[in-house]
């Protein structure tokens, strides 16, 4: 089924089985022609319910970031041999698209339901 459009039945089955805690490899065995990786990506990119970000959650994220940013950035900074504030500043300068490009990773985007 490589390149074949996903059916509503396949989507519903993935959501149901993942909700039961089933592993991706086992889920793929229940959906002929779909690999574990394709099932996982379908779920993560299109089916997974994402948190609604109201103002309270956004404020909490900001407060938690300020509280934990030094500890978060210390690991990156120590690997690079730079001060943590320098690593954090470069992260913001590059932005998510350039970071993804330089890391050879797809650019992360939330689906419309996440906003």
PDB file of N, CA and C in Angstrom:
ATOM      1  N   UNK A   1       0.824  -1.206   0.000  1.00  0.00           N
ATOM      2  CA  UNK A   1       0.000   0.000   0.000  1.00  0.00           C
ATOM      3  C   UNK A   1       0.856   1.254   0.000  1.00  0.00           C
ATOM      4  N   UNK A   2       2.106   1.105  -0.317  1.00  0.00           N
ATOM      5  CA  UNK A   2       3.020   2.247  -0.310  1.00  0.00           C
ATOM      6  C   UNK A   2       2.468   3.364  -1.191  1.00  0.00           C
ATOM      7  N   UNK A   3       2.230   4.524  -0.608  1.00  0.00           N
ATOM      8  CA  UNK A   3       1.710   5.660  -1.343  1.00  0.00           C
ATOM      9  C   UNK A   3       0.201   5.666  -1.468  1.00  0.00           C
ATOM     10  N   UNK A   4      -0.463   4.646  -0.954  1.00  0.00           N
ATOM     11  CA  UNK A   4      -1.915   4.563  -1.019  1.00  0.00           C
ATOM     12  C   UNK A   4      -2.537   5.428   0.070  1.00  0.00           C
ATOM     13  N   UNK A   5      -3.622   6.107  -0.294  1.00  0.00           N
ATOM     14  CA  UNK A   5      -4.314   6.969   0.666  1.00  0.00           C
ATOM     15  C   UNK A   5      -4.835   6.139   1.841  1.00  0.00           C
ATOM     16  N   UNK A   6      -4.719   6.710   3.022  1.00  0.00           N
ATOM     17  CA  UNK A   6      -5.219   6.048   4.228  1.00  0.00           C
ATOM     18  C   UNK A   6      -6.740   6.086   4.235  1.00  0.00           C
ATOM     19  N   UNK A   7      -7.346   4.993   4.687  1.00  0.00           N
ATOM     20  CA  UNK A   7      -8.801   4.944   4.791  1.00  0.00           C
ATOM     21  C   UNK A   7      -9.234   5.361   6.194  1.00  0.00           C
ATOM     22  N   UNK A   8     -10.494   5.716   6.311  1.00  0.00           N
ATOM     23  CA  UNK A   8     -11.032   6.071   7.628  1.00  0.00           C
ATOM     24  C   UNK A   8     -10.956   4.868   8.561  1.00  0.00           C
ATOM     25  N   UNK A   9     -11.181   3.671   8.021  1.00  0.00           N
ATOM     26  CA  UNK A   9     -11.123   2.463   8.842  1.00  0.00           C
ATOM     27  C   UNK A   9      -9.711   2.241   9.389  1.00  0.00           C
ATOM     28  N   UNK A  10      -8.700   2.478   8.550  1.00  0.00           N
ATOM     29  CA  UNK A  10      -7.315   2.339   9.013  1.00  0.00           C
ATOM     30  C   UNK A  10      -7.015   3.352  10.113  1.00  0.00           C
ATOM     31  N   UNK A  11      -7.442   4.596   9.899  1.00  0.00           N
ATOM     32  CA  UNK A  11      -7.216   5.640  10.902  1.00  0.00           C
ATOM     33  C   UNK A  11      -7.874   5.274  12.231  1.00  0.00           C
ATOM     34  N   UNK A  12      -9.115   4.825  12.164  1.00  0.00           N
ATOM     35  CA  UNK A  12      -9.835   4.459  13.386  1.00  0.00           C
ATOM     36  C   UNK A  12      -9.164   3.293  14.101  1.00  0.00           C
ATOM     37  N   UNK A  13      -8.664   2.327  13.325  1.00  0.00           N
ATOM     38  CA  UNK A  13      -8.000   1.171  13.921  1.00  0.00           C
ATOM     39  C   UNK A  13      -6.695   1.572  14.605  1.00  0.00           C
ATOM     40  N   UNK A  14      -5.927   2.448  13.966  1.00  0.00           N
ATOM     41  CA  UNK A  14      -4.678   2.920  14.575  1.00  0.00           C
ATOM     42  C   UNK A  14      -4.973   3.613  15.906  1.00  0.00           C
ATOM     43  N   UNK A  15      -5.951   4.510  15.913  1.00  0.00           N
ATOM     44  CA  UNK A  15      -6.295   5.244  17.139  1.00  0.00           C
ATOM     45  C   UNK A  15      -6.749   4.276  18.224  1.00  0.00           C
ATOM     46  N   UNK A  16      -7.589   3.322  17.858  1.00  0.00           N
ATOM     47  CA  UNK A  16      -8.100   2.350  18.823  1.00  0.00           C
ATOM     48  C   UNK A  16      -6.974   1.502  19.413  1.00  0.00           C
ATOM     49  N   UNK A  17      -6.139   0.935  18.536  1.00  0.00           N
ATOM     50  CA  UNK A  17      -5.082   0.034  19.005  1.00  0.00           C
ATOM     51  C   UNK A  17      -4.017   0.778  19.803  1.00  0.00           C
ATOM     52  N   UNK A  18      -3.672   1.969  19.363  1.00  0.00           N
ATOM     53  CA  UNK A  18      -2.673   2.746  20.105  1.00  0.00           C
ATOM     54  C   UNK A  18      -3.232   3.157  21.462  1.00  0.00           C
ATOM     55  N   UNK A  19      -4.520   3.464  21.500  1.00  0.00           N
ATOM     56  CA  UNK A  19      -5.177   3.801  22.756  1.00  0.00           C
ATOM     57  C   UNK A  19      -5.163   2.657  23.750  1.00  0.00           C
ATOM     58  N   UNK A  20      -5.073   1.430  23.232  1.00  0.00           N
ATOM     59  CA  UNK A  20      -4.971   0.245  24.087  1.00  0.00           C
ATOM     60  C   UNK A  20      -3.526  -0.046  24.480  1.00  0.00           C
ATOM     61  N   UNK A  21      -2.596   0.792  24.001  1.00  0.00           N
ATOM     62  CA  UNK A  21      -1.192   0.628  24.359  1.00  0.00           C
ATOM     63  C   UNK A  21      -0.422  -0.329  23.471  1.00  0.00           C
ATOM     64  N   UNK A  22      -0.996  -0.693  22.328  1.00  0.00           N
ATOM     65  CA  UNK A  22      -0.331  -1.635  21.437  1.00  0.00           C
ATOM     66  C   UNK A  22       0.904  -0.997  20.796  1.00  0.00           C
ATOM     67  N   UNK A  23       1.946  -1.798  20.583  1.00  0.00           N
ATOM     68  CA  UNK A  23       3.178  -1.321  19.953  1.00  0.00           C
ATOM     69  C   UNK A  23       2.969  -1.158  18.448  1.00  0.00           C
ATOM     70  N   UNK A  24       3.763  -0.272  17.849  1.00  0.00           N
ATOM     71  CA  UNK A  24       3.621   0.035  16.422  1.00  0.00           C
ATOM     72  C   UNK A  24       3.807  -1.205  15.560  1.00  0.00           C
ATOM     73  N   UNK A  25       4.740  -2.050  15.898  1.00  0.00           N
ATOM     74  CA  UNK A  25       4.979  -3.268  15.115  1.00  0.00           C
ATOM     75  C   UNK A  25       3.730  -4.149  15.104  1.00  0.00           C
ATOM     76  N   UNK A  26       3.080  -4.268  16.253  1.00  0.00           N
ATOM     77  CA  UNK A  26       1.867  -5.083  16.349  1.00  0.00           C
ATOM     78  C   UNK A  26       0.691  -4.422  15.628  1.00  0.00           C
ATOM     79  N   UNK A  27       0.619  -3.105  15.703  1.00  0.00           N
ATOM     80  CA  UNK A  27      -0.442  -2.383  14.989  1.00  0.00           C
ATOM     81  C   UNK A  27      -0.302  -2.613  13.492  1.00  0.00           C
ATOM     82  N   UNK A  28       0.925  -2.533  12.984  1.00  0.00           N
ATOM     83  CA  UNK A  28       1.137  -2.690  11.539  1.00  0.00           C
ATOM     84  C   UNK A  28       0.730  -4.084  11.055  1.00  0.00           C
ATOM     85  N   UNK A  29       0.838  -5.076  11.914  1.00  0.00           N
ATOM     86  CA  UNK A  29       0.435  -6.439  11.535  1.00  0.00           C
ATOM     87  C   UNK A  29      -1.081  -6.550  11.355  1.00  0.00           C
ATOM     88  N   UNK A  30      -1.820  -5.641  11.957  1.00  0.00           N
ATOM     89  CA  UNK A  30      -3.285  -5.641  11.845  1.00  0.00           C
ATOM     90  C   UNK A  30      -3.770  -4.811  10.650  1.00  0.00           C
ATOM     91  N   UNK A  31      -2.836  -4.072  10.022  1.00  0.00           N
ATOM     92  CA  UNK A  31      -3.201  -3.218   8.888  1.00  0.00           C
ATOM     93  C   UNK A  31      -2.342  -3.637   7.693  1.00  0.00           C
ATOM     94  N   UNK A  32      -2.856  -4.524   6.852  1.00  0.00           N
ATOM     95  CA  UNK A  32      -2.070  -5.055   5.734  1.00  0.00           C
ATOM     96  C   UNK A  32      -1.488  -3.955   4.848  1.00  0.00           C
ATOM     97  N   UNK A  33      -0.212  -4.115   4.527  1.00  0.00           N
ATOM     98  CA  UNK A  33       0.449  -3.181   3.628  1.00  0.00           C
ATOM     99  C   UNK A  33       0.976  -1.923   4.282  1.00  0.00           C
ATOM    100  N   UNK A  34       0.834  -1.811   5.596  1.00  0.00           N
ATOM    101  CA  UNK A  34       1.329  -0.621   6.303  1.00  0.00           C
ATOM    102  C   UNK A  34       2.439  -1.036   7.259  1.00  0.00           C
ATOM    103  N   UNK A  35       3.548  -0.325   7.209  1.00  0.00           N
ATOM    104  CA  UNK A  35       4.677  -0.627   8.095  1.00  0.00           C
ATOM    105  C   UNK A  35       4.461   0.006   9.464  1.00  0.00           C
ATOM    106  N   UNK A  36       5.243  -0.444  10.419  1.00  0.00           N
ATOM    107  CA  UNK A  36       5.186   0.142  11.758  1.00  0.00           C
ATOM    108  C   UNK A  36       5.520   1.630  11.696  1.00  0.00           C
ATOM    109  N   UNK A  37       6.508   1.979  10.891  1.00  0.00           N
ATOM    110  CA  UNK A  37       6.913   3.384  10.771  1.00  0.00           C
ATOM    111  C   UNK A  37       5.796   4.220  10.158  1.00  0.00           C
ATOM    112  N   UNK A  38       5.163   3.707   9.097  1.00  0.00           N
ATOM    113  CA  UNK A  38       4.099   4.494   8.465  1.00  0.00           C
ATOM    114  C   UNK A  38       2.905   4.660   9.404  1.00  0.00           C
ATOM    115  N   UNK A  39       2.598   3.635  10.196  1.00  0.00           N
ATOM    116  CA  UNK A  39       1.506   3.744  11.174  1.00  0.00           C
ATOM    117  C   UNK A  39       1.835   4.797  12.229  1.00  0.00           C
ATOM    118  N   UNK A  40       3.076   4.759  12.726  1.00  0.00           N
ATOM    119  CA  UNK A  40       3.480   5.731  13.743  1.00  0.00           C
ATOM    120  C   UNK A  40       3.417   7.155  13.192  1.00  0.00           C
ATOM    121  N   UNK A  41       3.942   7.358  11.992  1.00  0.00           N
ATOM    122  CA  UNK A  41       3.937   8.695  11.403  1.00  0.00           C
ATOM    123  C   UNK A  41       2.518   9.187  11.127  1.00  0.00           C
ATOM    124  N   UNK A  42       1.653   8.286  10.656  1.00  0.00           N
ATOM    125  CA  UNK A  42       0.258   8.669  10.418  1.00  0.00           C
ATOM    126  C   UNK A  42      -0.379   9.138  11.724  1.00  0.00           C
ATOM    127  N   UNK A  43      -0.139   8.387  12.777  1.00  0.00           N
ATOM    128  CA  UNK A  43      -0.706   8.725  14.081  1.00  0.00           C
ATOM    129  C   UNK A  43      -0.154  10.057  14.587  1.00  0.00           C
ATOM    130  N   UNK A  44       1.155  10.188  14.581  1.00  0.00           N
ATOM    131  CA  UNK A  44       1.775  11.392  15.141  1.00  0.00           C
ATOM    132  C   UNK A  44       1.463  12.642  14.328  1.00  0.00           C
ATOM    133  N   UNK A  45       1.428  12.515  13.007  1.00  0.00           N
ATOM    134  CA  UNK A  45       1.263  13.696  12.158  1.00  0.00           C
ATOM    135  C   UNK A  45      -0.186  14.087  11.901  1.00  0.00           C
ATOM    136  N   UNK A  46      -1.126  13.125  11.999  1.00  0.00           N
ATOM    137  CA  UNK A  46      -2.501  13.435  11.609  1.00  0.00           C
ATOM    138  C   UNK A  46      -3.575  13.039  12.613  1.00  0.00           C
ATOM    139  N   UNK A  47      -3.317  12.034  13.423  1.00  0.00           N
ATOM    140  CA  UNK A  47      -4.395  11.485  14.242  1.00  0.00           C
ATOM    141  C   UNK A  47      -4.299  11.816  15.721  1.00  0.00           C
ATOM    142  N   UNK A  48      -3.089  11.980  16.207  1.00  0.00           N
ATOM    143  CA  UNK A  48      -2.886  12.187  17.640  1.00  0.00           C
ATOM    144  C   UNK A  48      -3.535  13.487  18.091  1.00  0.00           C
ATOM    145  N   UNK A  49      -4.273  13.399  19.162  1.00  0.00           N
ATOM    146  CA  UNK A  49      -4.886  14.600  19.735  1.00  0.00           C
ATOM    147  C   UNK A  49      -3.799  15.414  20.424  1.00  0.00           C
ATOM    148  N   UNK A  50      -3.712  16.644  20.053  1.00  0.00           N
ATOM    149  CA  UNK A  50      -2.710  17.517  20.661  1.00  0.00           C
ATOM    150  C   UNK A  50      -3.401  18.470  21.630  1.00  0.00           C
ATOM    151  N   UNK A  51      -2.646  18.912  22.592  1.00  0.00           N
ATOM    152  CA  UNK A  51      -3.183  19.801  23.620  1.00  0.00           C
ATOM    153  C   UNK A  51      -3.624  21.129  23.007  1.00  0.00           C
ATOM    154  N   UNK A  52      -4.713  21.649  23.510  1.00  0.00           N
ATOM    155  CA  UNK A  52      -5.158  22.993  23.137  1.00  0.00           C
ATOM    156  C   UNK A  52      -4.360  23.993  23.975  1.00  0.00           C
ATOM    157  N   UNK A  53      -3.769  24.976  23.326  1.00  0.00           N
ATOM    158  CA  UNK A  53      -2.921  25.947  24.020  1.00  0.00           C
ATOM    159  C   UNK A  53      -3.715  27.212  24.323  1.00  0.00           C
ATOM    160  N   UNK A  54      -4.407  27.213  25.461  1.00  0.00           N
ATOM    161  CA  UNK A  54      -5.087  28.428  25.888  1.00  0.00           C
ATOM    162  C   UNK A  54      -4.054  29.355  26.541  1.00  0.00           C
ATOM    163  N   UNK A  55      -4.481  30.543  26.908  1.00  0.00           N
ATOM    164  CA  UNK A  55      -3.549  31.536  27.468  1.00  0.00           C
ATOM    165  C   UNK A  55      -2.896  31.040  28.755  1.00  0.00           C
ATOM    166  N   UNK A  56      -3.644  30.326  29.578  1.00  0.00           N
ATOM    167  CA  UNK A  56      -3.091  29.813  30.832  1.00  0.00           C
ATOM    168  C   UNK A  56      -1.948  28.829  30.569  1.00  0.00           C
ATOM    169  N   UNK A  57      -2.131  27.935  29.591  1.00  0.00           N
ATOM    170  CA  UNK A  57      -1.068  26.975  29.272  1.00  0.00           C
ATOM    171  C   UNK A  57       0.150  27.681  28.680  1.00  0.00           C
ATOM    172  N   UNK A  58      -0.084  28.667  27.838  1.00  0.00           N
ATOM    173  CA  UNK A  58       1.030  29.419  27.258  1.00  0.00           C
ATOM    174  C   UNK A  58       1.822  30.128  28.353  1.00  0.00           C
ATOM    175  N   UNK A  59       1.116  30.727  29.309  1.00  0.00           N
ATOM    176  CA  UNK A  59       1.782  31.406  30.426  1.00  0.00           C
ATOM    177  C   UNK A  59       2.572  30.419  31.273  1.00  0.00           C
ATOM    178  N   UNK A  60       1.986  29.255  31.523  1.00  0.00           N
ATOM    179  CA  UNK A  60       2.679  28.238  32.318  1.00  0.00           C
ATOM    180  C   UNK A  60       3.940  27.765  31.597  1.00  0.00           C
ATOM    181  N   UNK A  61       3.844  27.555  30.287  1.00  0.00           N
ATOM    182  CA  UNK A  61       5.022  27.157  29.515  1.00  0.00           C
ATOM    183  C   UNK A  61       6.120  28.208  29.638  1.00  0.00           C
ATOM    184  N   UNK A  62       5.757  29.469  29.525  1.00  0.00           N
ATOM    185  CA  UNK A  62       6.742  30.546  29.629  1.00  0.00           C
ATOM    186  C   UNK A  62       7.417  30.538  30.998  1.00  0.00           C
ATOM    187  N   UNK A  63       6.622  30.375  32.055  1.00  0.00           N
ATOM    188  CA  UNK A  63       7.193  30.352  33.408  1.00  0.00           C
ATOM    189  C   UNK A  63       8.112  29.144  33.600  1.00  0.00           C
ATOM    190  N   UNK A  64       7.692  27.983  33.095  1.00  0.00           N
ATOM    191  CA  UNK A  64       8.518  26.779  33.236  1.00  0.00           C
ATOM    192  C   UNK A  64       9.808  26.890  32.427  1.00  0.00           C
ATOM    193  N   UNK A  65       9.706  27.501  31.249  1.00  0.00           N
ATOM    194  CA  UNK A  65      10.912  27.684  30.444  1.00  0.00           C
ATOM    195  C   UNK A  65      11.924  28.553  31.190  1.00  0.00           C
ATOM    196  N   UNK A  66      11.459  29.672  31.717  1.00  0.00           N
ATOM    197  CA  UNK A  66      12.355  30.565  32.464  1.00  0.00           C
ATOM    198  C   UNK A  66      12.961  29.824  33.654  1.00  0.00           C
ATOM    199  N   UNK A  67      12.152  29.021  34.319  1.00  0.00           N
ATOM    200  CA  UNK A  67      12.616  28.290  35.503  1.00  0.00           C
ATOM    201  C   UNK A  67      13.664  27.228  35.171  1.00  0.00           C
ATOM    202  N   UNK A  68      13.488  26.516  34.058  1.00  0.00           N
ATOM    203  CA  UNK A  68      14.348  25.368  33.754  1.00  0.00           C
ATOM    204  C   UNK A  68      15.336  25.588  32.613  1.00  0.00           C
ATOM    205  N   UNK A  69      15.344  26.760  31.984  1.00  0.00           N
ATOM    206  CA  UNK A  69      16.159  26.926  30.781  1.00  0.00           C
ATOM    207  C   UNK A  69      17.651  26.720  31.028  1.00  0.00           C
ATOM    208  N   UNK A  70      18.155  27.174  32.159  1.00  0.00           N
ATOM    209  CA  UNK A  70      19.589  26.998  32.404  1.00  0.00           C
ATOM    210  C   UNK A  70      19.948  25.517  32.433  1.00  0.00           C
ATOM    211  N   UNK A  71      19.173  24.725  33.157  1.00  0.00           N
ATOM    212  CA  UNK A  71      19.447  23.285  33.230  1.00  0.00           C
ATOM    213  C   UNK A  71      19.288  22.626  31.860  1.00  0.00           C
ATOM    214  N   UNK A  72      18.262  23.049  31.103  1.00  0.00           N
ATOM    215  CA  UNK A  72      18.048  22.480  29.767  1.00  0.00           C
ATOM    216  C   UNK A  72      19.236  22.768  28.856  1.00  0.00           C
ATOM    217  N   UNK A  73      19.709  24.001  28.896  1.00  0.00           N
ATOM    218  CA  UNK A  73      20.762  24.411  27.975  1.00  0.00           C
ATOM    219  C   UNK A  73      22.154  23.990  28.429  1.00  0.00           C
ATOM    220  N   UNK A  74      22.329  23.649  29.706  1.00  0.00           N
ATOM    221  CA  UNK A  74      23.647  23.229  30.198  1.00  0.00           C
ATOM    222  C   UNK A  74      24.173  22.014  29.428  1.00  0.00           C
ATOM    223  N   UNK A  75      23.306  21.050  29.124  1.00  0.00           N
ATOM    224  CA  UNK A  75      23.736  19.844  28.402  1.00  0.00           C
ATOM    225  C   UNK A  75      24.268  20.192  27.020  1.00  0.00           C
ATOM    226  N   UNK A  76      23.517  21.001  26.291  1.00  0.00           N
ATOM    227  CA  UNK A  76      23.944  21.403  24.952  1.00  0.00           C
ATOM    228  C   UNK A  76      25.237  22.203  25.040  1.00  0.00           C
ATOM    229  N   UNK A  77      25.279  23.142  25.967  1.00  0.00           N
ATOM    230  CA  UNK A  77      26.452  24.005  26.115  1.00  0.00           C
ATOM    231  C   UNK A  77      27.698  23.200  26.454  1.00  0.00           C
ATOM    232  N   UNK A  78      27.568  22.203  27.330  1.00  0.00           N
ATOM    233  CA  UNK A  78      28.748  21.416  27.700  1.00  0.00           C
ATOM    234  C   UNK A  78      29.241  20.583  26.521  1.00  0.00           C
ATOM    235  N   UNK A  79      28.328  20.076  25.698  1.00  0.00           N
ATOM    236  CA  UNK A  79      28.731  19.320  24.500  1.00  0.00           C
ATOM    237  C   UNK A  79      29.464  20.216  23.500  1.00  0.00           C
ATOM    238  N   UNK A  80      29.091  21.486  23.457  1.00  0.00           N
ATOM    239  CA  UNK A  80      29.669  22.409  22.486  1.00  0.00           C
ATOM    240  C   UNK A  80      30.836  23.213  23.034  1.00  0.00           C
ATOM    241  N   UNK A  81      30.995  23.210  24.344  1.00  0.00           N
ATOM    242  CA  UNK A  81      32.079  23.985  24.933  1.00  0.00           C
ATOM    243  C   UNK A  81      31.834  25.481  24.886  1.00  0.00           C
ATOM    244  N   UNK A  82      30.567  25.874  25.050  1.00  0.00           N
ATOM    245  CA  UNK A  82      30.207  27.294  25.061  1.00  0.00           C
ATOM    246  C   UNK A  82      29.339  27.560  26.285  1.00  0.00           C
ATOM    247  N   UNK A  83      29.217  28.823  26.703  1.00  0.00           N
ATOM    248  CA  UNK A  83      28.308  29.128  27.807  1.00  0.00           C
ATOM    249  C   UNK A  83      26.860  28.811  27.413  1.00  0.00           C
ATOM    250  N   UNK A  84      26.045  28.418  28.393  1.00  0.00           N
ATOM    251  CA  UNK A  84      24.670  28.019  28.075  1.00  0.00           C
ATOM    252  C   UNK A  84      23.873  29.152  27.462  1.00  0.00           C
ATOM    253  N   UNK A  85      24.115  30.389  27.894  1.00  0.00           N
ATOM    254  CA  UNK A  85      23.370  31.520  27.322  1.00  0.00           C
ATOM    255  C   UNK A  85      23.710  31.715  25.843  1.00  0.00           C
ATOM    256  N   UNK A  86      24.940  31.406  25.477  1.00  0.00           N
ATOM    257  CA  UNK A  86      25.351  31.507  24.083  1.00  0.00           C
ATOM    258  C   UNK A  86      24.643  30.449  23.228  1.00  0.00           C
ATOM    259  N   UNK A  87      24.551  29.230  23.750  1.00  0.00           N
ATOM    260  CA  UNK A  87      23.851  28.157  23.029  1.00  0.00           C
ATOM    261  C   UNK A  87      22.373  28.505  22.859  1.00  0.00           C
ATOM    262  N   UNK A  88      21.762  29.006  23.933  1.00  0.00           N
ATOM    263  CA  UNK A  88      20.348  29.384  23.865  1.00  0.00           C
ATOM    264  C   UNK A  88      20.137  30.507  22.851  1.00  0.00           C
ATOM    265  N   UNK A  89      21.000  31.514  22.878  1.00  0.00           N
ATOM    266  CA  UNK A  89      20.865  32.649  21.964  1.00  0.00           C
ATOM    267  C   UNK A  89      20.981  32.198  20.510  1.00  0.00           C
ATOM    268  N   UNK A  90      21.927  31.309  20.216  1.00  0.00           N
ATOM    269  CA  UNK A  90      22.092  30.830  18.845  1.00  0.00           C
ATOM    270  C   UNK A  90      20.872  30.019  18.408  1.00  0.00           C
ATOM    271  N   UNK A  91      20.295  29.271  19.316  1.00  0.00           N
ATOM    272  CA  UNK A  91      19.075  28.517  19.015  1.00  0.00           C
ATOM    273  C   UNK A  91      17.971  29.461  18.544  1.00  0.00           C
ATOM    274  N   UNK A  92      17.770  30.560  19.266  1.00  0.00           N
ATOM    275  CA  UNK A  92      16.730  31.516  18.888  1.00  0.00           C
ATOM    276  C   UNK A  92      17.093  32.238  17.595  1.00  0.00           C
ATOM    277  N   UNK A  93      18.378  32.507  17.384  1.00  0.00           N
ATOM    278  CA  UNK A  93      18.817  33.181  16.160  1.00  0.00           C
ATOM    279  C   UNK A  93      18.545  32.315  14.930  1.00  0.00           C
ATOM    280  N   UNK A  94      18.863  31.025  15.037  1.00  0.00           N
ATOM    281  CA  UNK A  94      18.668  30.129  13.899  1.00  0.00           C
ATOM    282  C   UNK A  94      17.186  29.902  13.598  1.00  0.00           C
ATOM    283  N   UNK A  95      16.380  29.735  14.617  1.00  0.00           N
ATOM    284  CA  UNK A  95      14.956  29.463  14.418  1.00  0.00           C
ATOM    285  C   UNK A  95      14.707  28.009  14.053  1.00  0.00           C
ATOM    286  N   UNK A  96      13.456  27.566  14.152  1.00  0.00           N
ATOM    287  CA  UNK A  96      13.148  26.143  13.971  1.00  0.00           C
ATOM    288  C   UNK A  96      13.432  25.606  12.572  1.00  0.00           C
ATOM    289  N   UNK A  97      13.195  26.401  11.531  1.00  0.00           N
ATOM    290  CA  UNK A  97      13.423  25.908  10.174  1.00  0.00           C
ATOM    291  C   UNK A  97      14.904  25.654   9.911  1.00  0.00           C
ATOM    292  N   UNK A  98      15.755  26.619  10.292  1.00  0.00           N
ATOM    293  CA  UNK A  98      17.188  26.448  10.045  1.00  0.00           C
ATOM    294  C   UNK A  98      17.776  25.354  10.928  1.00  0.00           C
ATOM    295  N   UNK A  99      17.304  25.240  12.156  1.00  0.00           N
ATOM    296  CA  UNK A  99      17.778  24.161  13.041  1.00  0.00           C
ATOM    297  C   UNK A  99      17.463  22.814  12.397  1.00  0.00           C
ATOM    298  N   UNK A 100      16.228  22.641  11.929  1.00  0.00           N
ATOM    299  CA  UNK A 100      15.830  21.380  11.301  1.00  0.00           C
ATOM    300  C   UNK A 100      16.675  21.110  10.060  1.00  0.00           C
ATOM    301  N   UNK A 101      16.882  22.127   9.239  1.00  0.00           N
ATOM    302  CA  UNK A 101      17.664  21.966   8.016  1.00  0.00           C
ATOM    303  C   UNK A 101      19.095  21.549   8.339  1.00  0.00           C
ATOM    304  N   UNK A 102      19.723  22.216   9.292  1.00  0.00           N
ATOM    305  CA  UNK A 102      21.109  21.903   9.643  1.00  0.00           C
ATOM    306  C   UNK A 102      21.245  20.532  10.300  1.00  0.00           C
ATOM    307  N   UNK A 103      20.170  20.052  10.922  1.00  0.00           N
ATOM    308  CA  UNK A 103      20.189  18.737  11.569  1.00  0.00           C
ATOM    309  C   UNK A 103      19.680  17.643  10.627  1.00  0.00           C
ATOM    310  N   UNK A 104      19.400  18.017   9.375  1.00  0.00           N
ATOM    311  CA  UNK A 104      18.854  17.073   8.393  1.00  0.00           C
ATOM    312  C   UNK A 104      17.581  16.406   8.894  1.00  0.00           C
ATOM    313  N   UNK A 105      16.704  17.205   9.487  1.00  0.00           N
ATOM    314  CA  UNK A 105      15.433  16.714  10.017  1.00  0.00           C
ATOM    315  C   UNK A 105      14.292  17.477   9.355  1.00  0.00           C
ATOM    316  N   UNK A 106      13.117  16.845   9.237  1.00  0.00           N
ATOM    317  CA  UNK A 106      11.975  17.596   8.704  1.00  0.00           C
ATOM    318  C   UNK A 106      11.574  18.696   9.678  1.00  0.00           C
ATOM    319  N   UNK A 107      11.067  19.778   9.146  1.00  0.00           N
ATOM    320  CA  UNK A 107      10.613  20.885   9.979  1.00  0.00           C
ATOM    321  C   UNK A 107       9.364  20.437  10.719  1.00  0.00           C
ATOM    322  N   UNK A 108       9.357  20.619  12.031  1.00  0.00           N
ATOM    323  CA  UNK A 108       8.214  20.222  12.852  1.00  0.00           C
ATOM    324  C   UNK A 108       7.088  21.223  12.673  1.00  0.00           C
ATOM    325  N   UNK A 109       5.896  20.715  12.400  1.00  0.00           N
ATOM    326  CA  UNK A 109       4.725  21.580  12.304  1.00  0.00           C
ATOM    327  C   UNK A 109       3.583  20.911  13.035  1.00  0.00           C
ATOM    328  N   UNK A 110       2.865  21.681  13.809  1.00  0.00           N
ATOM    329  CA  UNK A 110       1.664  21.165  14.455  1.00  0.00           C
ATOM    330  C   UNK A 110       0.554  21.121  13.422  1.00  0.00           C
ATOM    331  N   UNK A 111      -0.294  20.116  13.515  1.00  0.00           N
ATOM    332  CA  UNK A 111      -1.441  20.113  12.620  1.00  0.00           C
ATOM    333  C   UNK A 111      -2.447  21.150  13.096  1.00  0.00           C
ATOM    334  N   UNK A 112      -3.407  21.472  12.255  1.00  0.00           N
ATOM    335  CA  UNK A 112      -4.326  22.583  12.526  1.00  0.00           C
ATOM    336  C   UNK A 112      -5.069  22.425  13.845  1.00  0.00           C
ATOM    337  N   UNK A 113      -5.320  21.204  14.257  1.00  0.00           N
ATOM    338  CA  UNK A 113      -6.064  20.975  15.499  1.00  0.00           C
ATOM    339  C   UNK A 113      -5.274  21.379  16.734  1.00  0.00           C
ATOM    340  N   UNK A 114      -3.992  21.603  16.584  1.00  0.00           N
ATOM    341  CA  UNK A 114      -3.133  21.863  17.738  1.00  0.00           C
ATOM    342  C   UNK A 114      -3.116  23.324  18.152  1.00  0.00           C
ATOM    343  N   UNK A 115      -3.585  24.196  17.304  1.00  0.00           N
ATOM    344  CA  UNK A 115      -3.486  25.617  17.627  1.00  0.00           C
ATOM    345  C   UNK A 115      -4.661  26.118  18.400  1.00  0.00           C
TER     346      UNK A 115
END
